[in-house]
C-alpha atoms as a PDB file:
ATOM      1  CA  MET A   1      80.665  98.633  72.152  1.00  0.00           C
ATOM      2  CA  SER A   2      81.774  99.009  68.272  1.00  0.00           C
ATOM      3  CA  ASN A   3      85.469  99.737  67.356  1.00  0.00           C
ATOM      4  CA  ILE A   4      84.929 103.422  66.559  1.00  0.00           C
ATOM      5  CA  ALA A   5      83.302 104.075  69.824  1.00  0.00           C
ATOM      6  CA  LYS A   6      86.346 102.791  71.483  1.00  0.00           C
ATOM      7  CA  PHE A   7      88.783 104.001  69.485  1.00  0.00           C
ATOM      8  CA  ARG A   8      90.495 107.058  70.777  1.00  0.00           C
ATOM      9  CA  VAL A   9      93.469 109.414  70.039  1.00  0.00           C
ATOM     10  CA  LEU A  10      95.447 111.978  72.629  1.00  0.00           C
ATOM     11  CA  PRO A  11      98.281 113.899  72.646  1.00  0.00           C
ATOM     12  CA  GLN A  12     101.015 111.734  73.914  1.00  0.00           C
ATOM     13  CA  SER A  13     101.245 113.699  76.540  1.00  0.00           C
ATOM     14  CA  GLN A  14      98.059 113.308  77.734  1.00  0.00           C
ATOM     15  CA  LEU A  15      97.913 109.722  78.102  1.00  0.00           C
ATOM     16  CA  SER A  16      97.167 109.189  81.453  1.00  0.00           C
ATOM     17  CA  GLU A  17      96.610 106.583  84.526  1.00  0.00           C
ATOM     18  CA  GLN A  18      92.808 106.974  84.015  1.00  0.00           C
ATOM     19  CA  ASP A  19      93.237 106.483  80.252  1.00  0.00           C
ATOM     20  CA  PHE A  20      95.158 102.653  80.515  1.00  0.00           C
ATOM     21  CA  ASP A  21      92.221 102.314  83.106  1.00  0.00           C
ATOM     22  CA  ASP A  22      89.810 102.687  80.481  1.00  0.00           C
ATOM     23  CA  TYR A  23      91.683 100.890  77.780  1.00  0.00           C
ATOM     24  CA  PRO A  24      95.389  99.063  78.079  1.00  0.00           C
ATOM     25  CA  VAL A  25      97.356  98.965  74.979  1.00  0.00           C
ATOM     26  CA  TRP A  26      97.918 102.074  73.335  1.00  0.00           C
ATOM     27  CA  SER A  27     100.407 103.005  69.817  1.00  0.00           C
ATOM     28  CA  GLU A  28     101.699 106.143  69.004  1.00  0.00           C
ATOM     29  CA  TYR A  29     101.132 107.459  65.262  1.00  0.00           C
ATOM     30  CA  TYR A  30     103.959 107.227  63.512  1.00  0.00           C
ATOM     31  CA  ASP A  31     103.798 105.507  60.078  1.00  0.00           C
ATOM     32  CA  CYS A  32     101.324 105.945  57.420  1.00  0.00           C
ATOM     33  CA  GLU A  33     100.906 102.664  56.787  1.00  0.00           C
ATOM     34  CA  GLU A  34      98.511 101.867  60.308  1.00  0.00           C
ATOM     35  CA  ILE A  35      95.381 103.979  58.039  1.00  0.00           C
ATOM     36  CA  GLU A  36      95.146 100.618  56.139  1.00  0.00           C
ATOM     37  CA  ASP A  37      94.718  98.582  59.683  1.00  0.00           C
ATOM     38  CA  LEU A  38      92.785 100.928  61.222  1.00  0.00           C
ATOM     39  CA  GLU A  39      90.539 101.019  58.071  1.00  0.00           C
ATOM     40  CA  ARG A  40      90.027  97.143  58.598  1.00  0.00           C
ATOM     41  CA  TRP A  41      89.197  98.016  61.927  1.00  0.00           C
ATOM     42  CA  GLY A  42      86.343  99.533  60.372  1.00  0.00           C
ATOM     43  CA  LEU A  43      87.674 102.943  60.772  1.00  0.00           C
ATOM     44  CA  ASP A  44      87.036 106.297  58.698  1.00  0.00           C
ATOM     45  CA  ARG A  45      90.194 107.377  56.737  1.00  0.00           C
ATOM     46  CA  ASP A  46      89.637 111.066  56.456  1.00  0.00           C
ATOM     47  CA  LYS A  47      88.306 111.100  60.474  1.00  0.00           C
ATOM     48  CA  VAL A  48      90.962 109.041  61.666  1.00  0.00           C
ATOM     49  CA  LEU A  49      93.573 111.506  60.155  1.00  0.00           C
ATOM     50  CA  HIS A  50      91.595 114.779  60.913  1.00  0.00           C
ATOM     51  CA  LEU A  51      91.933 112.894  64.325  1.00  0.00           C
ATOM     52  CA  PHE A  52      95.602 112.311  64.321  1.00  0.00           C
ATOM     53  CA  GLU A  53      96.604 116.296  63.161  1.00  0.00           C
ATOM     54  CA  LYS A  54      94.076 117.958  65.775  1.00  0.00           C
ATOM     55  CA  ASN A  55      95.813 115.749  68.099  1.00  0.00           C
ATOM     56  CA  SER A  56      99.826 116.096  67.048  1.00  0.00           C
ATOM     57  CA  PRO A  57     100.403 119.254  68.400  1.00  0.00           C
ATOM     58  CA  GLY A  58     104.063 120.884  67.450  1.00  0.00           C
ATOM     59  CA  ASN A  59     106.945 117.951  66.675  1.00  0.00           C
ATOM     60  CA  GLU A  60     104.241 116.127  69.131  1.00  0.00           C
ATOM     61  CA  HIS A  61     103.252 112.561  68.543  1.00  0.00           C
ATOM     62  CA  CYS A  62      99.382 111.315  69.189  1.00  0.00           C
ATOM     63  CA  VAL A  63      98.683 107.801  70.688  1.00  0.00           C
ATOM     64  CA  TYR A  64      95.665 105.645  69.817  1.00  0.00           C
ATOM     65  CA  THR A  65      93.371 103.095  70.990  1.00  0.00           C
ATOM     66  CA  LEU A  66      95.162  99.830  69.499  1.00  0.00           C
ATOM     67  CA  LEU A  67      91.840  98.298  68.719  1.00  0.00           C
ATOM     68  CA  GLU A  68      93.719  94.765  67.669  1.00  0.00           C
ATOM     69  CA  TYR A  69      96.293  92.914  69.316  1.00  0.00           C
ATOM     70  CA  ASN A  70      97.541  89.420  70.258  1.00  0.00           C
ATOM     71  CA  PRO A  71      99.800  89.447  68.717  1.00  0.00           C
ATOM     72  CA  PHE A  72     100.491  92.664  68.514  1.00  0.00           C
ATOM     73  CA  PRO A  73     101.353  94.228  65.193  1.00  0.00           C
ATOM     74  CA  ASP A  74     104.269  96.080  64.133  1.00  0.00           C
ATOM     75  CA  ARG A  75     104.241  99.685  65.658  1.00  0.00           C
ATOM     76  CA  MET A  76     107.693 101.728  66.133  1.00  0.00           C
ATOM     77  CA  ARG A  77     106.026 102.197  69.860  1.00  0.00           C
ATOM     78  CA  ILE A  78     103.545 100.510  71.672  1.00  0.00           C
ATOM     79  CA  PHE A  79     102.492 101.577  75.517  1.00  0.00           C
ATOM     80  CA  ILE A  80     101.083  98.417  77.135  1.00  0.00           C
ATOM     81  CA  ARG A  81      99.630  98.406  80.846  1.00  0.00           C
ATOM     82  CA  ALA A  82     101.017  96.923  83.369  1.00  0.00           C
ATOM     83  CA  ALA A  83     101.051  96.363  86.838  1.00  0.00           C
ATOM     84  CA  ILE A  84     104.481  97.047  88.847  1.00  0.00           C
ATOM     85  CA  THR A  85     105.506  96.161  92.246  1.00  0.00           C
ATOM     86  CA  THR A  86     108.695  97.843  93.471  1.00  0.00           C
ATOM     87  CA  GLN A  87     111.830  96.245  95.123  1.00  0.00           C
ATOM     88  CA  ASN A  88     110.573  97.297  98.458  1.00  0.00           C
ATOM     89  CA  GLY A  89     106.556  95.473  98.106  1.00  0.00           C
ATOM     90  CA  LEU A  90     105.296  98.868  96.565  1.00  0.00           C
ATOM     91  CA  GLU A  91     102.336  97.968  93.802  1.00  0.00           C
ATOM     92  CA  LEU A  92     101.984 100.357  91.448  1.00  0.00           C
ATOM     93  CA  LYS A  93     100.012 100.820  88.074  1.00  0.00           C
ATOM     94  CA  GLY A  94     101.999 101.845  84.856  1.00  0.00           C
ATOM     95  CA  PHE A  95     103.063 100.764  81.304  1.00  0.00           C
ATOM     96  CA  ILE A  96     105.261  99.415  79.676  1.00  0.00           C
ATOM     97  CA  MET A  97     106.337 100.345  76.143  1.00  0.00           C
ATOM     98  CA  ASN A  98     106.828  97.423  73.574  1.00  0.00           C
ATOM     99  CA  GLU A  99     106.926  93.304  74.386  1.00  0.00           C
ATOM    100  CA  ASP A 100     110.965  93.993  75.312  1.00  0.00           C
ATOM    101  CA  ALA A 101     110.081  97.164  78.395  1.00  0.00           C
ATOM    102  CA  PHE A 102     112.280  99.266  76.473  1.00  0.00           C
ATOM    103  CA  CYS A 103     110.930 102.051  78.371  1.00  0.00           C
ATOM    104  CA  LEU A 104     108.828 101.599  81.776  1.00  0.00           C
ATOM    105  CA  ALA A 105     106.535 104.343  83.066  1.00  0.00           C
ATOM    106  CA  LEU A 106     105.044 104.417  86.882  1.00  0.00           C
ATOM    107  CA  PHE A 107     101.965 106.226  88.137  1.00  0.00           C
ATOM    108  CA  TYR A 108     102.112 107.268  91.833  1.00  0.00           C
ATOM    109  CA  GLN A 109      99.233 109.813  93.455  1.00  0.00           C
ATOM    110  CA  GLU A 110      98.455 111.452  90.158  1.00  0.00           C
ATOM    111  CA  GLU A 111     102.144 111.799  88.471  1.00  0.00           C
ATOM    112  CA  GLU A 112     103.697 109.289  85.967  1.00  0.00           C
ATOM    113  CA  PHE A 113     107.674 108.638  86.500  1.00  0.00           C
ATOM    114  CA  ILE A 114     109.063 107.344  83.088  1.00  0.00           C
ATOM    115  CA  PHE A 115     112.197 105.006  83.041  1.00  0.00           C
ATOM    116  CA  SER A 116     114.393 104.221  80.342  1.00  0.00           C
ATOM    117  CA  ARG A 117     116.960 101.165  79.385  1.00  0.00           C
ATOM    118  CA  ASN A 118     119.131 103.564  77.541  1.00  0.00           C
ATOM    119  CA  PRO A 119     122.279 104.020  79.400  1.00  0.00           C
ATOM    120  CA  LEU A 120     122.629 107.408  77.888  1.00  0.00           C
ATOM    121  CA  LEU A 121     119.834 108.217  79.890  1.00  0.00           C
ATOM    122  CA  GLU A 122     120.779 107.074  83.548  1.00  0.00           C
ATOM    123  CA  LEU A 123     121.432 110.424  84.959  1.00  0.00           C
ATOM    124  CA  GLU A 124     118.390 110.972  84.152  1.00  0.00           C
ATOM    125  CA  ASN A 125     116.435 107.790  85.261  1.00  0.00           C
ATOM    126  CA  GLN A 126     118.456 108.134  88.596  1.00  0.00           C
ATOM    127  CA  ARG A 127     116.508 111.194  89.234  1.00  0.00           C
ATOM    128  CA  THR A 128     113.603 110.391  88.229  1.00  0.00           C
ATOM    129  CA  ALA A 129     113.846 107.670  90.761  1.00  0.00           C
ATOM    130  CA  GLU A 130     115.223 109.503  93.336  1.00  0.00           C
ATOM    131  CA  GLN A 131     112.146 112.032  92.693  1.00  0.00           C
ATOM    132  CA  LEU A 132     109.982 108.705  92.907  1.00  0.00           C
ATOM    133  CA  GLN A 133     111.490 107.575  96.034  1.00  0.00           C
ATOM    134  CA  ALA A 134     111.320 110.791  98.105  1.00  0.00           C
ATOM    135  CA  VAL A 135     107.144 111.089  97.336  1.00  0.00           C
ATOM    136  CA  SER A 136     106.552 107.354  97.996  1.00  0.00           C
ATOM    137  CA  GLY A 137     108.132 107.960 101.303  1.00  0.00           C
ATOM    138  CA  LYS A 138     110.580 105.158 101.012  1.00  0.00           C
ATOM    139  CA  SER A 139     114.148 104.787 102.410  1.00  0.00           C
ATOM    140  CA  THR A 140     115.001 102.146 100.164  1.00  0.00           C
ATOM    141  CA  SER A 141     115.600 101.425  96.841  1.00  0.00           C
ATOM    142  CA  LEU A 142     112.527 100.879  94.498  1.00  0.00           C
ATOM    143  CA  PHE A 143     114.365  99.336  92.068  1.00  0.00           C
ATOM    144  CA  PRO A 144     114.884  96.906  89.966  1.00  0.00           C
ATOM    145  CA  VAL A 145     110.939  96.758  89.382  1.00  0.00           C
ATOM    146  CA  ARG A 146     109.036  93.230  88.557  1.00  0.00           C
ATOM    147  CA  TYR A 147     106.205  93.993  85.894  1.00  0.00           C
ATOM    148  CA  GLU A 148     103.334  92.433  84.084  1.00  0.00           C
ATOM    149  CA  THR A 149     101.045  92.673  81.534  1.00  0.00           C
ATOM    150  CA  GLU A 150      97.454  90.628  80.825  1.00  0.00           C
ATOM    151  CA  PHE A 151      99.066  90.012  77.156  1.00  0.00           C
ATOM    152  CA  LYS A 152     101.219  87.396  75.217  1.00  0.00           C
ATOM    153  CA  SER A 153     104.559  88.429  73.388  1.00  0.00           C
ATOM    154  CA  ALA A 154     104.209  86.910  69.787  1.00  0.00           C
ATOM    155  CA  GLN A 155     106.413  83.794  70.979  1.00  0.00           C
ATOM    156  CA  GLY A 156     102.732  83.452  73.150  1.00  0.00           C
ATOM    157  CA  SER A 157     104.526  84.117  76.669  1.00  0.00           C
ATOM    158  CA  LEU A 158     103.198  86.266  78.921  1.00  0.00           C
ATOM    159  CA  ILE A 159     104.849  89.666  78.938  1.00  0.00           C
ATOM    160  CA  ALA A 160     106.320  90.373  82.264  1.00  0.00           C
ATOM    161  CA  GLY A 161     109.352  90.743  83.744  1.00  0.00           C
ATOM    162  CA  GLU A 162     112.261  92.786  85.787  1.00  0.00           C
ATOM    163  CA  PHE A 163     113.303  96.042  84.769  1.00  0.00           C
ATOM    164  CA  MET A 164     115.830  98.102  85.744  1.00  0.00           C
ATOM    165  CA  TYR A 165     116.507 101.825  84.081  1.00  0.00           C
ATOM    166  CA  GLY A 166     119.657 101.937  81.660  1.00  0.00           C
ATOM    167  CA  VAL A 167     120.379  97.909  81.591  1.00  0.00           C
ATOM    168  CA  SER A 168     119.319  96.144  78.480  1.00  0.00           C
ATOM    169  CA  GLU A 169     116.575  93.081  78.251  1.00  0.00           C
ATOM    170  CA  CYS A 170     119.720  90.836  77.059  1.00  0.00           C
ATOM    171  CA  GLU A 171     121.887  92.387  79.799  1.00  0.00           C
ATOM    172  CA  SER A 172     118.680  91.807  82.085  1.00  0.00           C
ATOM    173  CA  HIS A 173     118.891  88.283  82.095  1.00  0.00           C
ATOM    174  CA  GLN A 174     121.943  87.104  82.455  1.00  0.00           C
ATOM    175  CA  SER A 175     122.435  87.878  85.733  1.00  0.00           C
END
């Protein structure tokens, strides 16, 4: 399959579990410098820019399939498919944002639950965790969760780890 056949663009809000089943890595379109990479992949600049414009309604960014990785190119936000296991053993599909997993999303019964390491979002994260716990029917806490991807970091190690919302990557490795 050619790069052109694999290249897809969506509004970020429409990125779904099925999209990650179809393609494991997506990038948010954020910087005009990305166009050079896309042209190098054999894509037509004008067609791509048209797709980006068409799939960026209002102030929403669009996302596109990242056709070249290992290592990942320098981007603002890259969404990487991940297998996620909750503290109480629930196995879910999801994705992490960037190699450091600053954000993590879980898919459960056609719904997406997004969590961030940003401590300012603690209350929002707690509400989302409670919603996920309620729909999953689990009586014990789901967090922290373990995530694992099929990709390697720039340093060559498997991108995997433990995620606890509101806790930075540095803090989580100190415990």
